[in-house]
Every structure is written in structure tokens, then in C-alpha cells.
Amino acid sequence: MKQFFLVLAVALMSLSLNAQMKIAHVNSQKLLDTLPSRKIAMGELKKFESDGMKELGEIQKDLEAAYARYEANKATWSPVILKIEEEKIMKKQQALEDRQGQLQQEMQIYGQELNQPILERIQKAVELVADRKKVNYVIDESQTLYFKAGIDMTAEVMVELLRMDAEALKK
């Protein structure tokens, strides 16, 4: 009989704990896609990428010109000149590959720099709405395999986020 009451007490306590816990969800991708600052950041990143590709194109063009010159003259050049020109071409090829790697790293760093304040605003907006609604957990829909219940806070977070984003763009 004692065990029965103990089991009943534990079951009732777990039910009351579950009743107090509130779970909500947001669609972070929808939030990101709606933000004007995100669109501006993506535009800046695209321009940075475009400038980098233009730079790589110029390096590539220079490499191709050096190779064409080499091919056109290799029959008449001495072995010493051939070796020097081959080394120049290899150095240009290496420079192209090095610059490609640098640009990828720069793109990643610049992208993180542009996205960090946006992600911080999203986090802050989610926290504000979660506090207002007395929610314990907020789950991102885009990273959840399955959800059926819970409060969809996306619209409310969006309103808060757009307000915060407008303030940030004014600065």
C-alpha cells in the first residue's frame, strides 16, 4: 500500500511538472528570409564574391596568356629560358590556387561578420517573446524532425524582429 501511494505521488508530481512546461517553435529560415538587414548582408556578400571572382579571372587570364606565350615560343627558346618560363607559369598557377583559398576563407569570415548581429537579434527577439508567453523551450522548426504540438511563435517573433531590425538599420 505504501508503494502504491509513493508511485501515485511520483506520477502526480511528474504530471504537474509537465503541465507547467511550455514548448514553442519558430521557423528561423522564414525569419531570416524576411529581414531587410539579411537581404542587405546577402547583397554585400554577393558583391564581395563577385569582386573576388573578377580578381581570380584576371589572375587566370594572366596565367593563360603566359602559357600561350610559352607554347608559341617553346620551339625557339633555349632550355634555360624554357625552364625559367615553366617556373613562372607554375608560380602563377600556385598564386591562383593560393588566392582561391584565401578568398574562400575571406568569404566565410565576412559572411560570419555580416550574419552575427542578425543572429543575435533573432536570439533576442525569441527570448523576448518567450518571456512574454512564459515559454520554457523554443525549438527551431527547420532543424526538428517532427513536431505536432506547441505554440508557433514565428509571427510574434517576426514582429519583434522587424522592429529590432529597423532600429539597427537606422544606426
N, C-alpha and C. Protein backbone atom coordinates (compact mmCIF):
# COMPACT_ATOMS: atom_id res chain seq x y z
N MET A 1 0.82 -1.19 0.00
CA MET A 1 0.00 0.00 0.00
C MET A 1 0.87 1.26 0.00
N LYS A 2 1.97 1.22 0.77
CA LYS A 2 2.87 2.34 0.81
C LYS A 2 3.46 2.61 -0.58
N GLN A 3 3.82 1.52 -1.26
CA GLN A 3 4.40 1.65 -2.59
C GLN A 3 3.39 2.26 -3.56
N PHE A 4 2.15 1.90 -3.43
CA PHE A 4 1.12 2.41 -4.31
C PHE A 4 1.02 3.93 -4.17
N PHE A 5 1.00 4.43 -2.92
CA PHE A 5 0.92 5.87 -2.69
C PHE A 5 2.18 6.59 -3.16
N LEU A 6 3.32 5.94 -3.00
CA LEU A 6 4.58 6.51 -3.46
C LEU A 6 4.57 6.64 -4.99
N VAL A 7 4.14 5.60 -5.69
CA VAL A 7 4.06 5.61 -7.15
C VAL A 7 3.04 6.66 -7.60
N LEU A 8 1.91 6.72 -6.91
CA LEU A 8 0.88 7.70 -7.25
C LEU A 8 1.41 9.13 -7.05
N ALA A 9 2.13 9.36 -5.96
CA ALA A 9 2.68 10.69 -5.68
C ALA A 9 3.69 11.10 -6.76
N VAL A 10 4.56 10.17 -7.15
CA VAL A 10 5.55 10.46 -8.19
C VAL A 10 4.85 10.75 -9.52
N ALA A 11 3.84 9.98 -9.86
CA ALA A 11 3.10 10.19 -11.10
C ALA A 11 2.42 11.56 -11.11
N LEU A 12 1.81 11.94 -10.01
CA LEU A 12 1.15 13.24 -9.93
C LEU A 12 2.14 14.39 -10.01
N MET A 13 3.31 14.21 -9.39
CA MET A 13 4.34 15.27 -9.45
C MET A 13 4.85 15.43 -10.89
N SER A 14 5.06 14.33 -11.59
CA SER A 14 5.56 14.44 -12.97
C SER A 14 4.50 15.07 -13.87
N LEU A 15 3.22 14.77 -13.61
CA LEU A 15 2.15 15.40 -14.40
C LEU A 15 2.11 16.90 -14.16
N SER A 16 2.30 17.32 -12.90
CA SER A 16 2.24 18.76 -12.61
C SER A 16 3.46 19.47 -13.19
N LEU A 17 4.62 18.81 -13.22
CA LEU A 17 5.80 19.40 -13.85
C LEU A 17 5.59 19.56 -15.35
N ASN A 18 5.04 18.54 -15.98
CA ASN A 18 4.78 18.61 -17.42
C ASN A 18 3.75 19.67 -17.75
N ALA A 19 2.78 19.86 -16.89
CA ALA A 19 1.73 20.84 -17.14
C ALA A 19 2.31 22.25 -17.10
N GLN A 20 3.37 22.48 -16.33
CA GLN A 20 3.97 23.80 -16.21
C GLN A 20 4.93 24.11 -17.35
N MET A 21 5.42 23.10 -18.02
CA MET A 21 6.40 23.28 -19.08
C MET A 21 5.69 23.63 -20.39
N LYS A 22 6.12 24.75 -21.00
CA LYS A 22 5.53 25.17 -22.27
C LYS A 22 6.60 25.12 -23.35
N ILE A 23 6.23 24.57 -24.48
CA ILE A 23 7.15 24.45 -25.61
C ILE A 23 6.57 25.21 -26.79
N ALA A 24 7.44 25.95 -27.46
CA ALA A 24 7.02 26.70 -28.65
C ALA A 24 8.01 26.41 -29.77
N HIS A 25 7.65 26.85 -30.96
CA HIS A 25 8.55 26.66 -32.09
C HIS A 25 8.51 27.89 -32.99
N VAL A 26 9.63 28.11 -33.70
CA VAL A 26 9.72 29.18 -34.68
C VAL A 26 10.36 28.61 -35.94
N ASN A 27 10.12 29.27 -37.03
CA ASN A 27 10.75 28.91 -38.29
C ASN A 27 11.86 29.93 -38.55
N SER A 28 13.08 29.56 -38.18
CA SER A 28 14.19 30.51 -38.28
C SER A 28 14.48 30.91 -39.73
N GLN A 29 14.29 29.99 -40.66
CA GLN A 29 14.55 30.31 -42.06
C GLN A 29 13.58 31.38 -42.55
N LYS A 30 12.33 31.28 -42.13
CA LYS A 30 11.33 32.29 -42.50
C LYS A 30 11.70 33.65 -41.89
N LEU A 31 12.19 33.61 -40.66
CA LEU A 31 12.62 34.85 -40.01
C LEU A 31 13.78 35.48 -40.79
N LEU A 32 14.77 34.67 -41.13
CA LEU A 32 15.93 35.17 -41.87
C LEU A 32 15.53 35.74 -43.23
N ASP A 33 14.66 35.02 -43.93
CA ASP A 33 14.27 35.42 -45.28
C ASP A 33 13.48 36.72 -45.31
N THR A 34 12.88 37.10 -44.19
CA THR A 34 12.03 38.29 -44.13
C THR A 34 12.81 39.54 -43.75
N LEU A 35 13.96 39.37 -43.13
CA LEU A 35 14.69 40.53 -42.60
C LEU A 35 15.34 41.38 -43.68
N PRO A 36 15.08 42.68 -43.70
CA PRO A 36 15.77 43.56 -44.64
C PRO A 36 17.28 43.55 -44.44
N SER A 37 17.73 43.51 -43.20
CA SER A 37 19.18 43.53 -42.94
C SER A 37 19.85 42.26 -43.48
N ARG A 38 19.15 41.16 -43.47
CA ARG A 38 19.69 39.91 -44.02
C ARG A 38 19.84 40.03 -45.53
N LYS A 39 18.84 40.64 -46.18
CA LYS A 39 18.90 40.83 -47.63
C LYS A 39 20.06 41.75 -47.99
N ILE A 40 20.26 42.80 -47.21
CA ILE A 40 21.39 43.71 -47.43
C ILE A 40 22.70 42.97 -47.25
N ALA A 41 22.79 42.18 -46.18
CA ALA A 41 24.02 41.42 -45.90
C ALA A 41 24.32 40.44 -47.03
N MET A 42 23.29 39.77 -47.53
CA MET A 42 23.49 38.81 -48.62
C MET A 42 23.94 39.53 -49.89
N GLY A 43 23.42 40.73 -50.12
CA GLY A 43 23.85 41.54 -51.27
C GLY A 43 25.31 41.94 -51.15
N GLU A 44 25.72 42.34 -49.96
CA GLU A 44 27.12 42.71 -49.73
C GLU A 44 28.04 41.51 -49.93
N LEU A 45 27.60 40.36 -49.43
CA LEU A 45 28.41 39.15 -49.58
C LEU A 45 28.51 38.75 -51.05
N LYS A 46 27.42 38.89 -51.80
CA LYS A 46 27.44 38.58 -53.24
C LYS A 46 28.39 39.52 -53.98
N LYS A 47 28.39 40.80 -53.62
CA LYS A 47 29.30 41.76 -54.25
C LYS A 47 30.74 41.40 -53.93
N PHE A 48 31.00 41.05 -52.69
CA PHE A 48 32.34 40.64 -52.28
C PHE A 48 32.79 39.42 -53.09
N GLU A 49 31.87 38.47 -53.24
CA GLU A 49 32.17 37.27 -54.02
C GLU A 49 32.42 37.62 -55.49
N SER A 50 31.60 38.50 -56.03
CA SER A 50 31.74 38.92 -57.43
C SER A 50 33.09 39.60 -57.66
N ASP A 51 33.47 40.49 -56.74
CA ASP A 51 34.78 41.15 -56.85
C ASP A 51 35.91 40.14 -56.79
N GLY A 52 35.78 39.15 -55.92
CA GLY A 52 36.79 38.10 -55.81
C GLY A 52 36.89 37.26 -57.07
N MET A 53 35.73 36.94 -57.65
CA MET A 53 35.73 36.15 -58.88
C MET A 53 36.36 36.94 -60.03
N LYS A 54 36.12 38.23 -60.04
CA LYS A 54 36.71 39.10 -61.06
C LYS A 54 38.24 39.09 -60.92
N GLU A 55 38.69 39.21 -59.68
CA GLU A 55 40.13 39.16 -59.40
C GLU A 55 40.73 37.83 -59.84
N LEU A 56 40.06 36.73 -59.51
CA LEU A 56 40.54 35.41 -59.93
C LEU A 56 40.55 35.27 -61.45
N GLY A 57 39.57 35.86 -62.10
CA GLY A 57 39.51 35.84 -63.56
C GLY A 57 40.71 36.53 -64.18
N GLU A 58 41.11 37.66 -63.58
CA GLU A 58 42.27 38.38 -64.08
C GLU A 58 43.55 37.57 -63.89
N ILE A 59 43.68 36.92 -62.74
CA ILE A 59 44.84 36.07 -62.49
C ILE A 59 44.85 34.91 -63.48
N GLN A 60 43.67 34.32 -63.71
CA GLN A 60 43.55 33.20 -64.65
C GLN A 60 43.92 33.64 -66.06
N LYS A 61 43.45 34.82 -66.44
CA LYS A 61 43.75 35.36 -67.78
C LYS A 61 45.27 35.56 -67.95
N ASP A 62 45.91 36.07 -66.91
CA ASP A 62 47.36 36.28 -66.94
C ASP A 62 48.09 34.93 -67.06
N LEU A 63 47.61 33.93 -66.34
CA LEU A 63 48.20 32.59 -66.41
C LEU A 63 48.05 32.02 -67.82
N GLU A 64 46.87 32.15 -68.39
CA GLU A 64 46.62 31.63 -69.74
C GLU A 64 47.48 32.34 -70.78
N ALA A 65 47.66 33.64 -70.61
CA ALA A 65 48.50 34.40 -71.54
C ALA A 65 49.96 33.93 -71.44
N ALA A 66 50.42 33.70 -70.23
CA ALA A 66 51.80 33.22 -70.04
C ALA A 66 51.97 31.83 -70.66
N TYR A 67 50.97 31.00 -70.50
CA TYR A 67 51.04 29.65 -71.08
C TYR A 67 50.99 29.71 -72.61
N ALA A 68 50.16 30.56 -73.16
CA ALA A 68 50.07 30.71 -74.62
C ALA A 68 51.40 31.21 -75.19
N ARG A 69 52.01 32.16 -74.49
CA ARG A 69 53.32 32.67 -74.90
C ARG A 69 54.37 31.57 -74.86
N TYR A 70 54.30 30.78 -73.81
CA TYR A 70 55.22 29.65 -73.67
C TYR A 70 55.05 28.67 -74.83
N GLU A 71 53.81 28.30 -75.12
CA GLU A 71 53.52 27.35 -76.21
C GLU A 71 53.97 27.89 -77.57
N ALA A 72 53.77 29.18 -77.76
CA ALA A 72 54.12 29.79 -79.05
C ALA A 72 55.63 29.86 -79.26
N ASN A 73 56.38 29.97 -78.17
CA ASN A 73 57.82 30.19 -78.29
C ASN A 73 58.69 29.02 -77.86
N LYS A 74 58.11 27.95 -77.40
CA LYS A 74 58.94 26.88 -76.83
C LYS A 74 59.87 26.24 -77.86
N ALA A 75 59.53 26.28 -79.10
CA ALA A 75 60.39 25.69 -80.13
C ALA A 75 61.65 26.52 -80.35
N THR A 76 61.57 27.81 -80.09
CA THR A 76 62.71 28.69 -80.36
C THR A 76 63.51 29.05 -79.11
N TRP A 77 62.94 28.85 -77.94
CA TRP A 77 63.65 29.22 -76.71
C TRP A 77 64.70 28.17 -76.34
N SER A 78 65.71 28.66 -75.66
CA SER A 78 66.76 27.75 -75.19
C SER A 78 66.24 26.98 -73.97
N PRO A 79 66.88 25.87 -73.60
CA PRO A 79 66.45 25.11 -72.43
C PRO A 79 66.40 25.94 -71.15
N VAL A 80 67.31 26.86 -70.99
CA VAL A 80 67.34 27.71 -69.79
C VAL A 80 66.11 28.61 -69.76
N ILE A 81 65.79 29.24 -70.88
CA ILE A 81 64.62 30.11 -70.96
C ILE A 81 63.35 29.29 -70.75
N LEU A 82 63.28 28.10 -71.34
CA LEU A 82 62.12 27.21 -71.15
C LEU A 82 61.90 26.92 -69.67
N LYS A 83 62.98 26.61 -68.97
CA LYS A 83 62.89 26.29 -67.54
C LYS A 83 62.40 27.51 -66.75
N ILE A 84 62.95 28.67 -67.08
CA ILE A 84 62.54 29.91 -66.39
C ILE A 84 61.05 30.18 -66.62
N GLU A 85 60.59 30.06 -67.86
CA GLU A 85 59.19 30.32 -68.19
C GLU A 85 58.26 29.28 -67.53
N GLU A 86 58.71 28.02 -67.49
CA GLU A 86 57.91 26.98 -66.83
C GLU A 86 57.75 27.30 -65.35
N GLU A 87 58.82 27.75 -64.73
CA GLU A 87 58.77 28.11 -63.31
C GLU A 87 57.83 29.30 -63.08
N LYS A 88 57.88 30.27 -64.00
CA LYS A 88 56.96 31.42 -63.90
C LYS A 88 55.51 30.96 -63.98
N ILE A 89 55.24 30.05 -64.93
CA ILE A 89 53.88 29.53 -65.09
C ILE A 89 53.45 28.77 -63.83
N MET A 90 54.33 27.96 -63.29
CA MET A 90 53.98 27.20 -62.07
C MET A 90 53.73 28.14 -60.90
N LYS A 91 54.52 29.22 -60.80
CA LYS A 91 54.31 30.20 -59.73
C LYS A 91 52.96 30.90 -59.89
N LYS A 92 52.61 31.22 -61.14
CA LYS A 92 51.32 31.86 -61.39
C LYS A 92 50.17 30.91 -61.05
N GLN A 93 50.33 29.64 -61.40
CA GLN A 93 49.32 28.63 -61.07
C GLN A 93 49.16 28.51 -59.56
N GLN A 94 50.29 28.48 -58.86
CA GLN A 94 50.26 28.38 -57.40
C GLN A 94 49.61 29.63 -56.79
N ALA A 95 49.94 30.79 -57.35
CA ALA A 95 49.35 32.05 -56.85
C ALA A 95 47.84 32.03 -57.03
N LEU A 96 47.37 31.51 -58.16
CA LEU A 96 45.93 31.41 -58.41
C LEU A 96 45.26 30.51 -57.38
N GLU A 97 45.86 29.35 -57.15
CA GLU A 97 45.29 28.41 -56.17
C GLU A 97 45.30 29.00 -54.76
N ASP A 98 46.41 29.67 -54.40
CA ASP A 98 46.50 30.30 -53.08
C ASP A 98 45.43 31.37 -52.91
N ARG A 99 45.25 32.18 -53.94
CA ARG A 99 44.26 33.26 -53.86
C ARG A 99 42.85 32.71 -53.77
N GLN A 100 42.58 31.60 -54.46
CA GLN A 100 41.26 30.96 -54.37
C GLN A 100 40.99 30.54 -52.92
N GLY A 101 41.98 29.92 -52.29
CA GLY A 101 41.83 29.51 -50.88
C GLY A 101 41.63 30.69 -49.96
N GLN A 102 42.40 31.76 -50.18
CA GLN A 102 42.27 32.97 -49.36
C GLN A 102 40.88 33.57 -49.51
N LEU A 103 40.40 33.64 -50.75
CA LEU A 103 39.08 34.22 -50.98
C LEU A 103 37.98 33.41 -50.31
N GLN A 104 38.11 32.10 -50.33
CA GLN A 104 37.11 31.27 -49.64
C GLN A 104 37.11 31.57 -48.15
N GLN A 105 38.29 31.66 -47.57
CA GLN A 105 38.37 31.98 -46.14
C GLN A 105 37.81 33.36 -45.85
N GLU A 106 38.16 34.33 -46.68
CA GLU A 106 37.66 35.70 -46.50
C GLU A 106 36.14 35.75 -46.62
N MET A 107 35.60 35.00 -47.57
CA MET A 107 34.13 34.94 -47.74
C MET A 107 33.47 34.39 -46.48
N GLN A 108 34.05 33.34 -45.94
CA GLN A 108 33.48 32.73 -44.74
C GLN A 108 33.54 33.70 -43.56
N ILE A 109 34.67 34.34 -43.38
CA ILE A 109 34.83 35.29 -42.27
C ILE A 109 33.89 36.48 -42.44
N TYR A 110 33.82 37.01 -43.66
CA TYR A 110 32.95 38.16 -43.92
C TYR A 110 31.48 37.78 -43.74
N GLY A 111 31.11 36.60 -44.20
CA GLY A 111 29.75 36.12 -44.01
C GLY A 111 29.38 36.01 -42.53
N GLN A 112 30.31 35.49 -41.74
CA GLN A 112 30.06 35.39 -40.30
C GLN A 112 29.93 36.77 -39.67
N GLU A 113 30.79 37.69 -40.11
CA GLU A 113 30.74 39.05 -39.59
C GLU A 113 29.40 39.72 -39.91
N LEU A 114 28.91 39.50 -41.11
CA LEU A 114 27.63 40.09 -41.50
C LEU A 114 26.44 39.43 -40.79
N ASN A 115 26.51 38.13 -40.59
CA ASN A 115 25.38 37.39 -40.01
C ASN A 115 25.32 37.45 -38.48
N GLN A 116 26.44 37.69 -37.82
CA GLN A 116 26.45 37.67 -36.35
C GLN A 116 25.44 38.62 -35.73
N PRO A 117 25.39 39.90 -36.11
CA PRO A 117 24.39 40.78 -35.49
C PRO A 117 22.95 40.37 -35.81
N ILE A 118 22.74 39.80 -36.98
CA ILE A 118 21.40 39.35 -37.37
C ILE A 118 20.97 38.18 -36.49
N LEU A 119 21.86 37.23 -36.31
CA LEU A 119 21.55 36.07 -35.46
C LEU A 119 21.34 36.48 -34.01
N GLU A 120 22.10 37.48 -33.56
CA GLU A 120 21.91 37.98 -32.19
C GLU A 120 20.53 38.63 -32.04
N ARG A 121 20.10 39.37 -33.06
CA ARG A 121 18.76 39.98 -33.00
C ARG A 121 17.68 38.90 -32.97
N ILE A 122 17.85 37.86 -33.75
CA ILE A 122 16.86 36.76 -33.75
C ILE A 122 16.80 36.14 -32.36
N GLN A 123 17.95 35.87 -31.77
CA GLN A 123 18.00 35.27 -30.44
C GLN A 123 17.30 36.17 -29.43
N LYS A 124 17.56 37.47 -29.50
CA LYS A 124 16.96 38.42 -28.56
C LYS A 124 15.44 38.48 -28.75
N ALA A 125 14.99 38.50 -30.00
CA ALA A 125 13.55 38.55 -30.27
C ALA A 125 12.85 37.29 -29.77
N VAL A 126 13.47 36.14 -29.97
CA VAL A 126 12.90 34.87 -29.48
C VAL A 126 12.81 34.91 -27.96
N GLU A 127 13.88 35.39 -27.32
CA GLU A 127 13.87 35.47 -25.85
C GLU A 127 12.76 36.39 -25.34
N LEU A 128 12.59 37.55 -25.99
CA LEU A 128 11.55 38.50 -25.56
C LEU A 128 10.16 37.88 -25.67
N VAL A 129 9.87 37.26 -26.79
CA VAL A 129 8.55 36.67 -26.99
C VAL A 129 8.36 35.46 -26.07
N ALA A 130 9.39 34.67 -25.89
CA ALA A 130 9.30 33.50 -24.99
C ALA A 130 9.04 33.95 -23.56
N ASP A 131 9.69 35.02 -23.13
CA ASP A 131 9.45 35.54 -21.78
C ASP A 131 8.01 36.04 -21.63
N ARG A 132 7.53 36.75 -22.65
CA ARG A 132 6.15 37.24 -22.61
C ARG A 132 5.14 36.11 -22.52
N LYS A 133 5.39 35.05 -23.25
CA LYS A 133 4.45 33.92 -23.31
C LYS A 133 4.73 32.88 -22.23
N LYS A 134 5.76 33.12 -21.43
CA LYS A 134 6.15 32.19 -20.35
C LYS A 134 6.46 30.79 -20.93
N VAL A 135 7.26 30.77 -21.97
CA VAL A 135 7.64 29.52 -22.65
C VAL A 135 8.99 29.06 -22.11
N ASN A 136 9.11 27.76 -21.84
CA ASN A 136 10.36 27.21 -21.33
C ASN A 136 11.35 26.84 -22.45
N TYR A 137 10.83 26.32 -23.55
CA TYR A 137 11.68 25.86 -24.64
C TYR A 137 11.14 26.40 -25.96
N VAL A 138 12.07 26.82 -26.82
CA VAL A 138 11.71 27.22 -28.17
C VAL A 138 12.56 26.38 -29.13
N ILE A 139 11.89 25.69 -30.01
CA ILE A 139 12.54 24.77 -30.94
C ILE A 139 12.47 25.37 -32.34
N ASP A 140 13.54 25.21 -33.09
CA ASP A 140 13.58 25.68 -34.47
C ASP A 140 12.96 24.62 -35.37
N GLU A 141 11.90 24.99 -36.08
CA GLU A 141 11.20 24.04 -36.96
C GLU A 141 12.12 23.47 -38.03
N SER A 142 13.01 24.30 -38.55
CA SER A 142 13.84 23.86 -39.66
C SER A 142 14.87 22.81 -39.26
N GLN A 143 15.08 22.61 -37.96
CA GLN A 143 16.04 21.61 -37.50
C GLN A 143 15.38 20.51 -36.68
N THR A 144 14.08 20.43 -36.75
CA THR A 144 13.34 19.43 -35.99
C THR A 144 12.75 18.41 -36.95
N LEU A 145 12.92 17.15 -36.62
CA LEU A 145 12.40 16.10 -37.47
C LEU A 145 10.88 16.00 -37.41
N TYR A 146 10.33 16.22 -36.22
CA TYR A 146 8.89 16.08 -36.06
C TYR A 146 8.42 16.96 -34.92
N PHE A 147 7.33 17.63 -35.13
CA PHE A 147 6.65 18.34 -34.05
C PHE A 147 5.17 18.40 -34.38
N LYS A 148 4.38 18.27 -33.36
CA LYS A 148 2.95 18.29 -33.57
C LYS A 148 2.29 19.36 -32.70
N ALA A 149 2.76 19.45 -31.50
CA ALA A 149 2.13 20.39 -30.57
C ALA A 149 3.08 21.55 -30.32
N GLY A 150 2.66 22.43 -29.48
CA GLY A 150 3.47 23.58 -29.14
C GLY A 150 2.88 24.85 -29.73
N ILE A 151 3.45 25.94 -29.33
CA ILE A 151 2.98 27.25 -29.74
C ILE A 151 3.87 27.74 -30.88
N ASP A 152 3.27 28.14 -31.98
CA ASP A 152 4.05 28.70 -33.09
C ASP A 152 4.24 30.19 -32.81
N MET A 153 5.45 30.57 -32.49
CA MET A 153 5.76 31.96 -32.15
C MET A 153 6.36 32.73 -33.32
N THR A 154 6.43 32.12 -34.48
CA THR A 154 7.12 32.74 -35.62
C THR A 154 6.58 34.13 -35.94
N ALA A 155 5.27 34.29 -36.00
CA ALA A 155 4.68 35.58 -36.36
C ALA A 155 5.00 36.65 -35.32
N GLU A 156 4.89 36.28 -34.05
CA GLU A 156 5.17 37.26 -32.98
C GLU A 156 6.65 37.62 -32.93
N VAL A 157 7.49 36.62 -33.14
CA VAL A 157 8.94 36.89 -33.17
C VAL A 157 9.26 37.77 -34.38
N MET A 158 8.58 37.52 -35.48
CA MET A 158 8.81 38.30 -36.70
C MET A 158 8.52 39.78 -36.44
N VAL A 159 7.42 40.07 -35.78
CA VAL A 159 7.06 41.46 -35.47
C VAL A 159 8.16 42.10 -34.63
N GLU A 160 8.57 41.42 -33.58
CA GLU A 160 9.61 41.92 -32.69
C GLU A 160 10.93 42.09 -33.45
N LEU A 161 11.24 41.13 -34.26
CA LEU A 161 12.48 41.12 -35.01
C LEU A 161 12.52 42.25 -36.05
N LEU A 162 11.43 42.47 -36.74
CA LEU A 162 11.38 43.56 -37.72
C LEU A 162 11.54 44.92 -37.04
N ARG A 163 10.98 45.05 -35.85
CA ARG A 163 11.14 46.29 -35.09
C ARG A 163 12.61 46.49 -34.74
N MET A 164 13.25 45.43 -34.22
CA MET A 164 14.66 45.49 -33.84
C MET A 164 15.55 45.74 -35.07
N ASP A 165 15.21 45.11 -36.17
CA ASP A 165 15.98 45.25 -37.39
C ASP A 165 15.89 46.68 -37.92
N ALA A 166 14.71 47.27 -37.87
CA ALA A 166 14.54 48.66 -38.32
C ALA A 166 15.38 49.60 -37.48
N GLU A 167 15.41 49.36 -36.18
CA GLU A 167 16.25 50.19 -35.30
C GLU A 167 17.72 50.03 -35.64
N ALA A 168 18.14 48.81 -35.91
CA ALA A 168 19.55 48.55 -36.24
C ALA A 168 19.94 49.19 -37.56
N LEU A 169 19.03 49.20 -38.53
CA LEU A 169 19.34 49.79 -39.83
C LEU A 169 19.42 51.32 -39.77
N LYS A 170 18.73 51.92 -38.77
CA LYS A 170 18.78 53.37 -38.62
C LYS A 170 20.15 53.83 -38.15
N LYS A 171 20.84 52.97 -37.42
CA LYS A 171 22.15 53.33 -36.84
C LYS A 171 23.24 53.38 -37.84
